[in-house]
Amino acid sequence: MRVAVTGAAGFIGSHLCERLLAAGNDVVGIDCFSDYYERTLKEQNLAGSRSHDHFLFNEADLVDADLPPLLDGAEVVYHLAGQPGVRPSWGNQFDRYVRDNVIATQRLLEALKGTPIKRLVFAGSSSVYGDAEMFPTKESALPRPVSPYGVTKLAAEHLTHLYTRNFGTPAVSVRYFTVYGPRQRPDMAFSRFMKALTAGKDIEVFGDGEQTREFTYVSDAVEGTIKASTADVVGQVFNLGGGSRVTVNQVLATLEEISGIKVKRQNLPAAPGDPRHTGASINLARERLGWEPRVSIREGLSQQWSWFHESRSERRP
């Protein structure tokens, strides 16, 4: 099968490409190498896929690229491209989020309109829920994002369903809950924690550390994304979460045990746009997708810690 992955050089996108290639697919990767973090890191993310004979990469921006030729022949399109990050989405950066999350999605949907694709899987975010009133949070909960990033992800998700309803584009949305693991973006919490820990510096914790998050290991997120491309679930939305909520303080304690290094922390004020708690009800994904998260937070942290040290050694001169 020929499939296309937007955001192929990103954290989750690069893992998805490798998983699809391992399953025998022809994969077309699309990425514009935005400057959210270093291009060299994204090139490293792509190294495994680039070595595969069935991988074709196109450096292109979804907003202004001629998309139909890039998507030609793809039976499934996984749309993971977008501008990430809650905290930078305020102020004058909002234009970038609208462009890369909303307009880029609309351009992709226009390019796919009327084509014979079997499925479009949109990578959504738990940020659409904001400070949810119920935990674990079901897909039926009223979305109330508390960050500009969350607003743009919700708008893009709504666009995909507009095209399903009006033009028959067979779209499905998956909402990721704080994905972690090897290749995690350098701005994300676990990456920052590990970098500070090895450097003997204070780990910056926004708030008191008692906020809870639903952490999802990257292989579990990828598996759920692929299952959403084949199940009979067009027009639906699914939470993909790790199966349990833990506090940031519990994460730091686990990381201290794994690394054998004493954690030093600096508590900072809670950041605007960060919900106090997130937690996923994953019953719908269990029932409709036949999906179940398999990697515990301790196992996943151990794997990310090992990868972090290996990648640091490779980068040293």
Protein backbone atom coordinates (compact mmCIF):
# COMPACT_ATOMS: atom_id res chain seq x y z
CA MET A 1 0.00 0.00 0.00
CA ARG A 2 1.15 3.54 -0.72
CA VAL A 3 0.71 5.93 2.20
CA ALA A 4 1.68 9.55 2.88
CA VAL A 5 2.80 11.04 6.19
CA THR A 6 2.89 14.80 6.75
CA GLY A 7 5.25 15.90 9.50
CA ALA A 8 7.41 12.88 8.66
CA ALA A 9 10.56 14.35 10.20
CA GLY A 10 8.91 15.05 13.54
CA PHE A 11 8.96 13.06 16.75
CA ILE A 12 5.84 10.93 16.22
CA GLY A 13 5.88 11.19 12.42
CA SER A 14 9.32 9.63 12.08
CA HIS A 15 8.33 6.68 14.27
CA LEU A 16 5.14 6.27 12.25
CA CYS A 17 7.11 6.19 8.97
CA GLU A 18 9.41 3.46 10.26
CA ARG A 19 6.48 1.40 11.53
CA LEU A 20 4.67 1.70 8.18
CA LEU A 21 7.81 0.76 6.25
CA ALA A 22 8.37 -2.27 8.47
CA ALA A 23 4.84 -3.39 7.58
CA GLY A 24 5.72 -3.37 3.87
CA ASN A 25 4.17 -0.09 2.78
CA ASP A 26 5.51 2.44 0.29
CA VAL A 27 5.77 5.64 2.32
CA VAL A 28 5.84 9.22 1.05
CA GLY A 29 7.12 11.55 3.75
CA ILE A 30 6.38 15.27 3.65
CA ASP A 31 7.94 17.86 5.95
CA CYS A 32 8.96 21.52 5.65
CA PHE A 33 11.60 21.43 8.45
CA SER A 34 10.05 24.33 10.34
CA ASP A 35 12.40 26.15 12.68
CA TYR A 36 10.59 25.15 15.88
CA TYR A 37 13.70 23.15 16.71
CA GLU A 38 16.98 22.28 14.99
CA ARG A 39 16.85 20.83 11.51
CA THR A 40 19.76 18.52 12.36
CA LEU A 41 17.59 16.75 14.93
CA LYS A 42 14.82 16.24 12.39
CA GLU A 43 17.31 14.92 9.86
CA GLN A 44 18.44 12.42 12.48
CA ASN A 45 14.80 11.43 13.02
CA LEU A 46 14.55 10.61 9.31
CA ALA A 47 17.76 8.61 9.06
CA GLY A 48 16.13 5.21 9.50
CA SER A 49 13.41 5.85 6.91
CA ARG A 50 15.78 7.41 4.39
CA SER A 51 17.81 4.19 4.33
CA HIS A 52 14.73 2.26 3.18
CA ASP A 53 14.11 1.63 -0.54
CA HIS A 54 10.36 2.16 -0.14
CA PHE A 55 10.63 5.64 1.37
CA LEU A 56 10.32 8.81 -0.71
CA PHE A 57 10.81 12.16 1.00
CA ASN A 58 9.53 15.54 -0.17
CA GLU A 59 10.54 18.77 1.54
CA ALA A 60 7.40 20.85 1.14
CA ASP A 61 5.19 23.31 3.00
CA LEU A 62 1.54 22.27 2.97
CA VAL A 63 0.38 25.87 2.72
CA ASP A 64 2.00 26.73 -0.61
CA ALA A 65 3.19 23.43 -2.15
CA ASP A 66 1.57 21.79 -5.16
CA LEU A 67 0.14 18.92 -3.12
CA PRO A 68 -1.74 16.69 -5.62
CA PRO A 69 1.45 15.32 -7.25
CA LEU A 70 2.94 14.59 -3.81
CA LEU A 71 -0.16 12.70 -2.70
CA ASP A 72 -0.84 10.91 -5.96
CA GLY A 73 -1.53 7.23 -5.45
CA ALA A 74 -1.67 7.38 -1.65
CA GLU A 75 -4.45 5.24 -0.23
CA VAL A 76 -3.99 6.52 3.32
CA VAL A 77 -2.77 9.94 4.45
CA TYR A 78 -1.58 10.52 8.01
CA HIS A 79 -1.63 14.23 8.81
CA LEU A 80 0.81 14.89 11.65
CA ALA A 81 2.31 18.18 10.41
CA GLY A 82 1.69 21.28 12.48
CA GLN A 83 3.16 23.85 14.83
CA PRO A 84 3.44 22.30 18.30
CA GLY A 85 3.77 23.83 21.75
CA VAL A 86 1.32 25.42 24.18
CA ARG A 87 3.49 28.11 25.76
CA PRO A 88 4.86 29.71 22.55
CA SER A 89 1.39 29.97 20.99
CA TRP A 90 0.51 33.23 22.73
CA GLY A 91 1.09 36.75 21.42
CA ASN A 92 2.66 37.43 18.05
CA GLN A 93 3.36 33.74 17.43
CA PHE A 94 -0.35 33.01 16.98
CA ASP A 95 -0.19 33.79 13.26
CA ARG A 96 2.26 30.92 12.84
CA TYR A 97 -0.07 28.52 14.63
CA VAL A 98 -3.03 29.53 12.50
CA ARG A 99 -0.95 29.13 9.35
CA ASP A 100 0.65 25.77 10.15
CA ASN A 101 -2.25 24.13 11.97
CA VAL A 102 -5.41 25.53 10.39
CA ILE A 103 -4.54 26.81 6.92
CA ALA A 104 -2.16 23.92 6.20
CA THR A 105 -4.89 21.44 7.14
CA GLN A 106 -7.39 23.21 4.88
CA ARG A 107 -4.93 23.10 1.96
CA LEU A 108 -4.39 19.38 2.51
CA LEU A 109 -8.12 18.72 2.66
CA GLU A 110 -8.66 20.64 -0.57
CA ALA A 111 -5.96 18.58 -2.26
CA LEU A 112 -7.61 15.35 -1.10
CA LYS A 113 -11.17 16.38 -1.94
CA GLY A 114 -12.62 14.08 -4.57
CA THR A 115 -9.62 11.73 -4.60
CA PRO A 116 -10.08 7.98 -4.01
CA ILE A 117 -8.18 7.83 -0.69
CA LYS A 118 -9.36 5.22 1.77
CA ARG A 119 -8.57 7.19 4.92
CA LEU A 120 -7.21 10.44 6.28
CA VAL A 121 -6.02 10.21 9.89
CA PHE A 122 -5.71 13.59 11.59
CA ALA A 123 -3.36 13.88 14.58
CA GLY A 124 -5.26 15.92 17.13
CA SER A 125 -4.37 16.88 20.68
CA SER A 126 -5.69 16.51 24.20
CA SER A 127 -5.16 20.29 24.42
CA VAL A 128 -8.62 20.71 22.90
CA TYR A 129 -10.16 19.67 26.23
CA GLY A 130 -8.52 22.38 28.33
CA ASP A 131 -9.55 22.11 31.99
CA ALA A 132 -11.96 19.25 31.50
CA GLU A 133 -14.76 18.86 34.03
CA MET A 134 -14.53 15.07 34.15
CA PHE A 135 -11.66 12.58 34.46
CA PRO A 136 -10.99 10.41 32.68
CA THR A 137 -12.21 12.62 29.86
CA LYS A 138 -14.38 11.09 27.17
CA GLU A 139 -14.41 12.15 23.53
CA SER A 140 -17.95 13.42 24.05
CA ALA A 141 -16.77 16.07 26.54
CA LEU A 142 -17.25 19.65 25.38
CA PRO A 143 -13.89 20.93 24.07
CA ARG A 144 -12.78 24.08 25.89
CA PRO A 145 -9.12 24.73 25.05
CA VAL A 146 -7.21 27.06 27.36
CA SER A 147 -4.36 27.85 24.96
CA PRO A 148 -4.14 29.33 21.46
CA TYR A 149 -2.43 26.11 20.37
CA GLY A 150 -5.44 24.11 21.55
CA VAL A 151 -7.78 26.45 19.69
CA THR A 152 -5.94 25.90 16.38
CA LYS A 153 -5.83 22.12 16.86
CA LEU A 154 -9.57 22.06 17.52
CA ALA A 155 -10.23 24.22 14.46
CA ALA A 156 -8.18 21.88 12.27
CA GLU A 157 -9.97 18.86 13.68
CA HIS A 158 -13.34 20.45 12.92
CA LEU A 159 -12.18 21.15 9.36
CA THR A 160 -11.47 17.48 8.73
CA HIS A 161 -14.99 16.58 9.79
CA LEU A 162 -16.48 19.35 7.67
CA TYR A 163 -14.84 17.77 4.65
CA THR A 164 -16.09 14.33 5.69
CA ARG A 165 -19.66 15.59 5.95
CA ASN A 166 -19.70 17.78 2.85
CA PHE A 167 -17.35 16.02 0.45
CA GLY A 168 -17.08 12.47 1.75
CA THR A 169 -13.40 12.71 2.71
CA PRO A 170 -12.96 9.62 4.91
CA ALA A 171 -11.34 11.31 7.92
CA VAL A 172 -10.73 10.10 11.47
CA SER A 173 -9.17 12.10 14.31
CA VAL A 174 -6.98 10.80 17.12
CA ARG A 175 -6.25 12.97 20.13
CA TYR A 176 -2.78 12.34 21.54
CA PHE A 177 -2.19 12.71 25.28
CA THR A 178 1.40 13.88 26.00
CA VAL A 179 3.46 11.49 23.90
CA TYR A 180 7.00 10.68 25.03
CA GLY A 181 9.85 8.35 24.13
CA PRO A 182 13.00 8.38 21.96
CA ARG A 183 13.28 11.46 19.71
CA GLN A 184 10.90 13.48 21.87
CA ARG A 185 11.08 17.17 20.95
CA PRO A 186 13.74 19.03 22.97
CA ASP A 187 11.17 21.51 24.33
CA MET A 188 9.01 18.79 25.88
CA ALA A 189 9.15 18.06 29.60
CA PHE A 190 10.94 14.70 29.68
CA SER A 191 13.62 15.90 27.26
CA ARG A 192 14.20 19.02 29.35
CA PHE A 193 14.27 17.00 32.56
CA MET A 194 16.88 14.57 31.22
CA LYS A 195 19.08 17.32 29.81
CA ALA A 196 19.07 19.22 33.11
CA LEU A 197 19.63 16.05 35.13
CA THR A 198 22.74 15.00 33.22
CA ALA A 199 24.13 18.55 33.35
CA GLY A 200 23.64 18.76 37.12
CA LYS A 201 21.27 21.69 36.73
CA ASP A 202 17.93 22.44 38.30
CA ILE A 203 14.91 20.93 36.58
CA GLU A 204 12.37 23.65 35.94
CA VAL A 205 8.89 22.61 37.07
CA PHE A 206 5.98 24.86 36.18
CA GLY A 207 3.69 24.92 39.21
CA ASP A 208 3.92 22.67 42.27
CA GLY A 209 4.46 19.44 40.37
CA GLU A 210 1.19 17.94 41.60
CA GLN A 211 -0.49 18.56 38.25
CA THR A 212 -1.30 15.27 36.55
CA ARG A 213 -0.77 14.22 32.95
CA GLU A 214 -1.72 11.25 30.84
CA PHE A 215 1.63 10.20 29.35
CA THR A 216 1.57 8.01 26.23
CA TYR A 217 4.57 6.10 24.92
CA VAL A 218 5.31 6.79 21.27
CA SER A 219 4.94 3.20 20.05
CA ASP A 220 1.46 3.05 21.60
CA ALA A 221 0.48 6.34 19.93
CA VAL A 222 1.75 5.06 16.57
CA GLU A 223 -0.12 1.77 16.91
CA GLY A 224 -3.38 3.56 17.68
CA THR A 225 -2.87 5.90 14.74
CA ILE A 226 -2.41 3.00 12.33
CA LYS A 227 -5.43 1.17 13.70
CA ALA A 228 -7.52 4.30 13.07
CA SER A 229 -6.63 4.02 9.38
CA THR A 230 -8.20 0.59 8.93
CA ALA A 231 -11.16 0.30 11.32
CA ASP A 232 -14.67 1.21 10.19
CA VAL A 233 -14.70 4.51 12.07
CA VAL A 234 -14.91 7.34 9.50
CA GLY A 235 -16.00 10.62 11.06
CA GLN A 236 -15.15 9.62 14.61
CA VAL A 237 -12.69 10.93 17.23
CA PHE A 238 -10.55 8.79 19.52
CA ASN A 239 -8.45 9.49 22.60
CA LEU A 240 -5.03 7.83 22.59
CA GLY A 241 -3.68 7.88 26.13
CA GLY A 242 -1.19 5.86 28.14
CA GLY A 243 -3.76 4.25 30.41
CA SER A 244 -2.96 6.06 33.68
CA ARG A 245 -2.39 9.54 35.07
CA VAL A 246 0.65 10.46 37.14
CA THR A 247 1.89 13.69 38.70
CA VAL A 248 4.99 15.48 37.47
CA ASN A 249 6.52 14.85 40.88
CA GLN A 250 6.00 11.11 40.44
CA VAL A 251 7.71 11.32 37.06
CA LEU A 252 10.72 13.05 38.64
CA ALA A 253 10.91 10.43 41.38
CA THR A 254 10.85 7.63 38.80
CA LEU A 255 13.49 9.37 36.70
CA GLU A 256 15.68 9.74 39.79
CA GLU A 257 15.43 5.98 40.40
CA ILE A 258 16.19 5.10 36.78
CA SER A 259 19.15 7.46 36.43
CA GLY A 260 20.61 7.13 39.91
CA ILE A 261 21.03 10.91 39.91
CA LYS A 262 19.52 13.14 42.60
CA VAL A 263 16.95 15.50 41.13
CA LYS A 264 17.35 19.21 41.83
CA ARG A 265 14.30 21.25 41.00
CA GLN A 266 13.24 24.85 40.60
CA ASN A 267 9.54 25.52 40.88
CA LEU A 268 8.27 28.25 38.58
CA PRO A 269 4.79 29.79 38.33
CA ALA A 270 2.25 27.72 36.44
CA ALA A 271 2.31 28.64 32.76
CA PRO A 272 -0.73 30.18 31.04
CA GLY A 273 -2.51 27.64 28.89
CA ASP A 274 -1.35 24.58 30.85
CA PRO A 275 -4.35 22.65 32.22
CA ARG A 276 -4.05 21.46 35.80
CA HIS A 277 -4.94 17.89 34.90
CA THR A 278 -5.33 15.72 31.81
CA GLY A 279 -6.66 12.19 31.69
CA ALA A 280 -7.97 10.08 28.83
CA SER A 281 -10.89 7.73 28.71
CA ILE A 282 -9.68 5.19 26.16
CA ASN A 283 -12.66 2.85 26.21
CA LEU A 284 -13.80 3.99 22.76
CA ALA A 285 -10.40 3.20 21.24
CA ARG A 286 -10.45 -0.18 22.96
CA GLU A 287 -13.90 -0.99 21.60
CA ARG A 288 -13.75 0.45 18.08
CA LEU A 289 -10.04 0.20 17.23
CA GLY A 290 -9.05 -2.86 19.23
CA TRP A 291 -6.23 -0.79 20.69
CA GLU A 292 -4.62 -0.94 24.11
CA PRO A 293 -1.58 0.95 25.46
CA ARG A 294 1.16 -1.50 26.40
CA VAL A 295 4.12 0.51 27.72
CA SER A 296 4.11 1.62 31.36
CA ILE A 297 5.48 5.00 32.39
CA ARG A 298 8.49 3.41 34.11
CA GLU A 299 9.33 1.22 31.11
CA GLY A 300 8.86 4.11 28.70
CA LEU A 301 10.99 6.49 30.77
CA SER A 302 13.74 3.87 30.93
CA GLN A 303 13.73 3.54 27.15
CA GLN A 304 13.80 7.28 26.62
CA TRP A 305 16.62 7.64 29.16
CA SER A 306 18.69 4.99 27.35
CA TRP A 307 18.07 6.64 23.99
CA PHE A 308 18.94 10.06 25.43
CA HIS A 309 22.35 8.87 26.57
CA GLU A 310 23.09 7.03 23.32
CA SER A 311 22.18 10.08 21.22
CA ARG A 312 24.32 12.36 23.39
CA SER A 313 27.29 10.06 22.91
CA GLU A 314 26.80 10.08 19.14
CA ARG A 315 26.69 13.89 19.05
CA ARG A 316 29.95 14.31 20.98
CA PRO A 317 32.99 15.10 18.78
